[in-house]
Amino acid sequence: VLIEPQEGATLPQPKDGSWRFDWADVPHATAYEILVQGRNAKFPLVRRRASESSLVRPPSNGYIISRHQRGWTWRVRALDRGGNWGAWSKERTFDVGPRK
């Protein structure tokens, strides 16, 4: 179950603040994989393995131009003790705020 950001939330530009992702613990999970991607992107901005049920992407240089600020998605899946990946969670969408 995805917790944060909520559906339709607006996250700051990458240079203006962190992006925090949080999801419910999966019993007996040994790791998680999170995927964060822009609507028309060929490659995800974030595809990471996490040992806990949250991930913070710290501020970074650069910005996301206005035509790519809407319709971002994120989803998560869990790895069990046997080394098997579970199904992906439902996708949740968010937008990125304007440049300051």
Protein backbone atom coordinates (compact mmCIF):
# COMPACT_ATOMS: atom_id res chain seq x y z
CA VAL A 1 0.00 0.00 0.00
CA LEU A 2 1.43 3.34 -1.07
CA ILE A 3 1.34 6.05 1.61
CA GLU A 4 3.24 9.15 0.49
CA PRO A 5 3.05 11.11 -1.75
CA GLN A 6 -0.73 11.01 -1.96
CA GLU A 7 -2.48 10.70 -5.33
CA GLY A 8 -2.28 14.04 -7.14
CA ALA A 9 0.31 15.56 -4.78
CA THR A 10 2.76 18.18 -6.02
CA LEU A 11 6.43 17.59 -5.24
CA PRO A 12 9.11 20.31 -5.42
CA GLN A 13 11.49 20.77 -8.30
CA PRO A 14 14.54 18.49 -7.76
CA LYS A 15 16.78 21.47 -6.88
CA ASP A 16 14.21 22.89 -4.43
CA GLY A 17 13.65 19.94 -2.10
CA SER A 18 13.66 16.23 -1.39
CA TRP A 19 11.15 13.76 -2.77
CA ARG A 20 9.93 11.40 -0.03
CA PHE A 21 8.27 8.10 -0.87
CA ASP A 22 6.72 5.91 1.81
CA TRP A 23 4.78 2.66 1.62
CA ALA A 24 3.42 0.06 4.03
CA ASP A 25 5.73 -2.69 5.24
CA VAL A 26 5.23 -6.06 3.56
CA PRO A 27 5.53 -8.91 6.08
CA HIS A 28 8.75 -10.92 5.60
CA ALA A 29 10.04 -8.63 2.82
CA THR A 30 13.83 -8.46 2.64
CA ALA A 31 13.95 -5.52 0.21
CA TYR A 32 11.84 -3.30 -2.00
CA GLU A 33 12.23 -1.85 -5.47
CA ILE A 34 10.79 1.57 -6.27
CA LEU A 35 10.21 2.98 -9.73
CA VAL A 36 9.53 6.71 -10.34
CA GLN A 37 8.95 7.86 -13.89
CA GLY A 38 7.75 10.87 -15.86
CA ARG A 39 4.71 10.43 -18.09
CA ASN A 40 6.57 10.28 -21.42
CA ALA A 41 9.99 9.24 -20.15
CA LYS A 42 11.73 6.27 -21.74
CA PHE A 43 13.72 5.62 -18.57
CA PRO A 44 12.77 6.07 -14.90
CA LEU A 45 14.23 8.92 -12.89
CA VAL A 46 14.44 6.56 -9.90
CA ARG A 47 14.78 2.77 -9.99
CA ARG A 48 16.30 1.72 -6.69
CA ARG A 49 16.40 -1.12 -4.28
CA ALA A 50 15.59 -0.14 -0.70
CA SER A 51 15.99 -2.11 2.52
CA GLU A 52 13.20 -0.19 4.29
CA SER A 53 9.69 0.82 3.27
CA SER A 54 10.62 4.38 2.39
CA LEU A 55 13.01 6.29 0.18
CA VAL A 56 14.11 9.92 0.13
CA ARG A 57 15.54 11.34 -3.07
CA PRO A 58 17.65 14.30 -1.93
CA PRO A 59 17.72 17.62 -3.77
CA SER A 60 19.79 17.61 -6.94
CA ASN A 61 20.86 20.03 -9.64
CA GLY A 62 18.60 20.72 -12.56
CA TYR A 63 14.88 21.15 -13.01
CA ILE A 64 11.92 19.62 -14.80
CA ILE A 65 10.52 21.82 -17.57
CA SER A 66 6.84 22.74 -17.48
CA ARG A 67 5.66 20.34 -20.19
CA HIS A 68 7.06 17.39 -18.18
CA GLN A 69 5.79 18.41 -14.73
CA ARG A 70 2.45 16.58 -14.82
CA GLY A 71 1.58 12.90 -14.66
CA TRP A 72 4.56 11.39 -12.86
CA THR A 73 4.01 7.88 -11.49
CA TRP A 74 5.54 5.75 -8.78
CA ARG A 75 5.15 2.14 -7.72
CA VAL A 76 6.84 -0.41 -5.48
CA ARG A 77 7.32 -4.17 -5.23
CA ALA A 78 8.72 -6.36 -2.46
CA LEU A 79 11.35 -9.10 -2.43
CA ASP A 80 10.58 -12.13 -0.25
CA ARG A 81 12.99 -14.33 1.73
CA GLY A 82 13.13 -16.80 -1.17
CA GLY A 83 14.47 -14.14 -3.53
CA ASN A 84 11.19 -13.74 -5.43
CA TRP A 85 9.81 -10.36 -6.41
CA GLY A 86 6.14 -9.78 -5.71
CA ALA A 87 3.74 -7.95 -7.99
CA TRP A 88 4.07 -4.21 -8.47
CA SER A 89 1.77 -2.03 -6.40
CA LYS A 90 -0.83 0.06 -8.16
CA GLU A 91 0.70 3.16 -9.69
CA ARG A 92 0.12 6.48 -8.03
CA THR A 93 0.47 9.80 -9.83
CA PHE A 94 1.94 13.11 -8.74
CA ASP A 95 3.03 16.36 -10.34
CA VAL A 96 6.16 18.46 -10.00
CA GLY A 97 5.82 22.11 -9.02
CA PRO A 98 6.96 25.04 -11.13
CA ARG A 99 10.48 26.44 -11.10
CA LYS A 100 11.16 29.07 -8.45
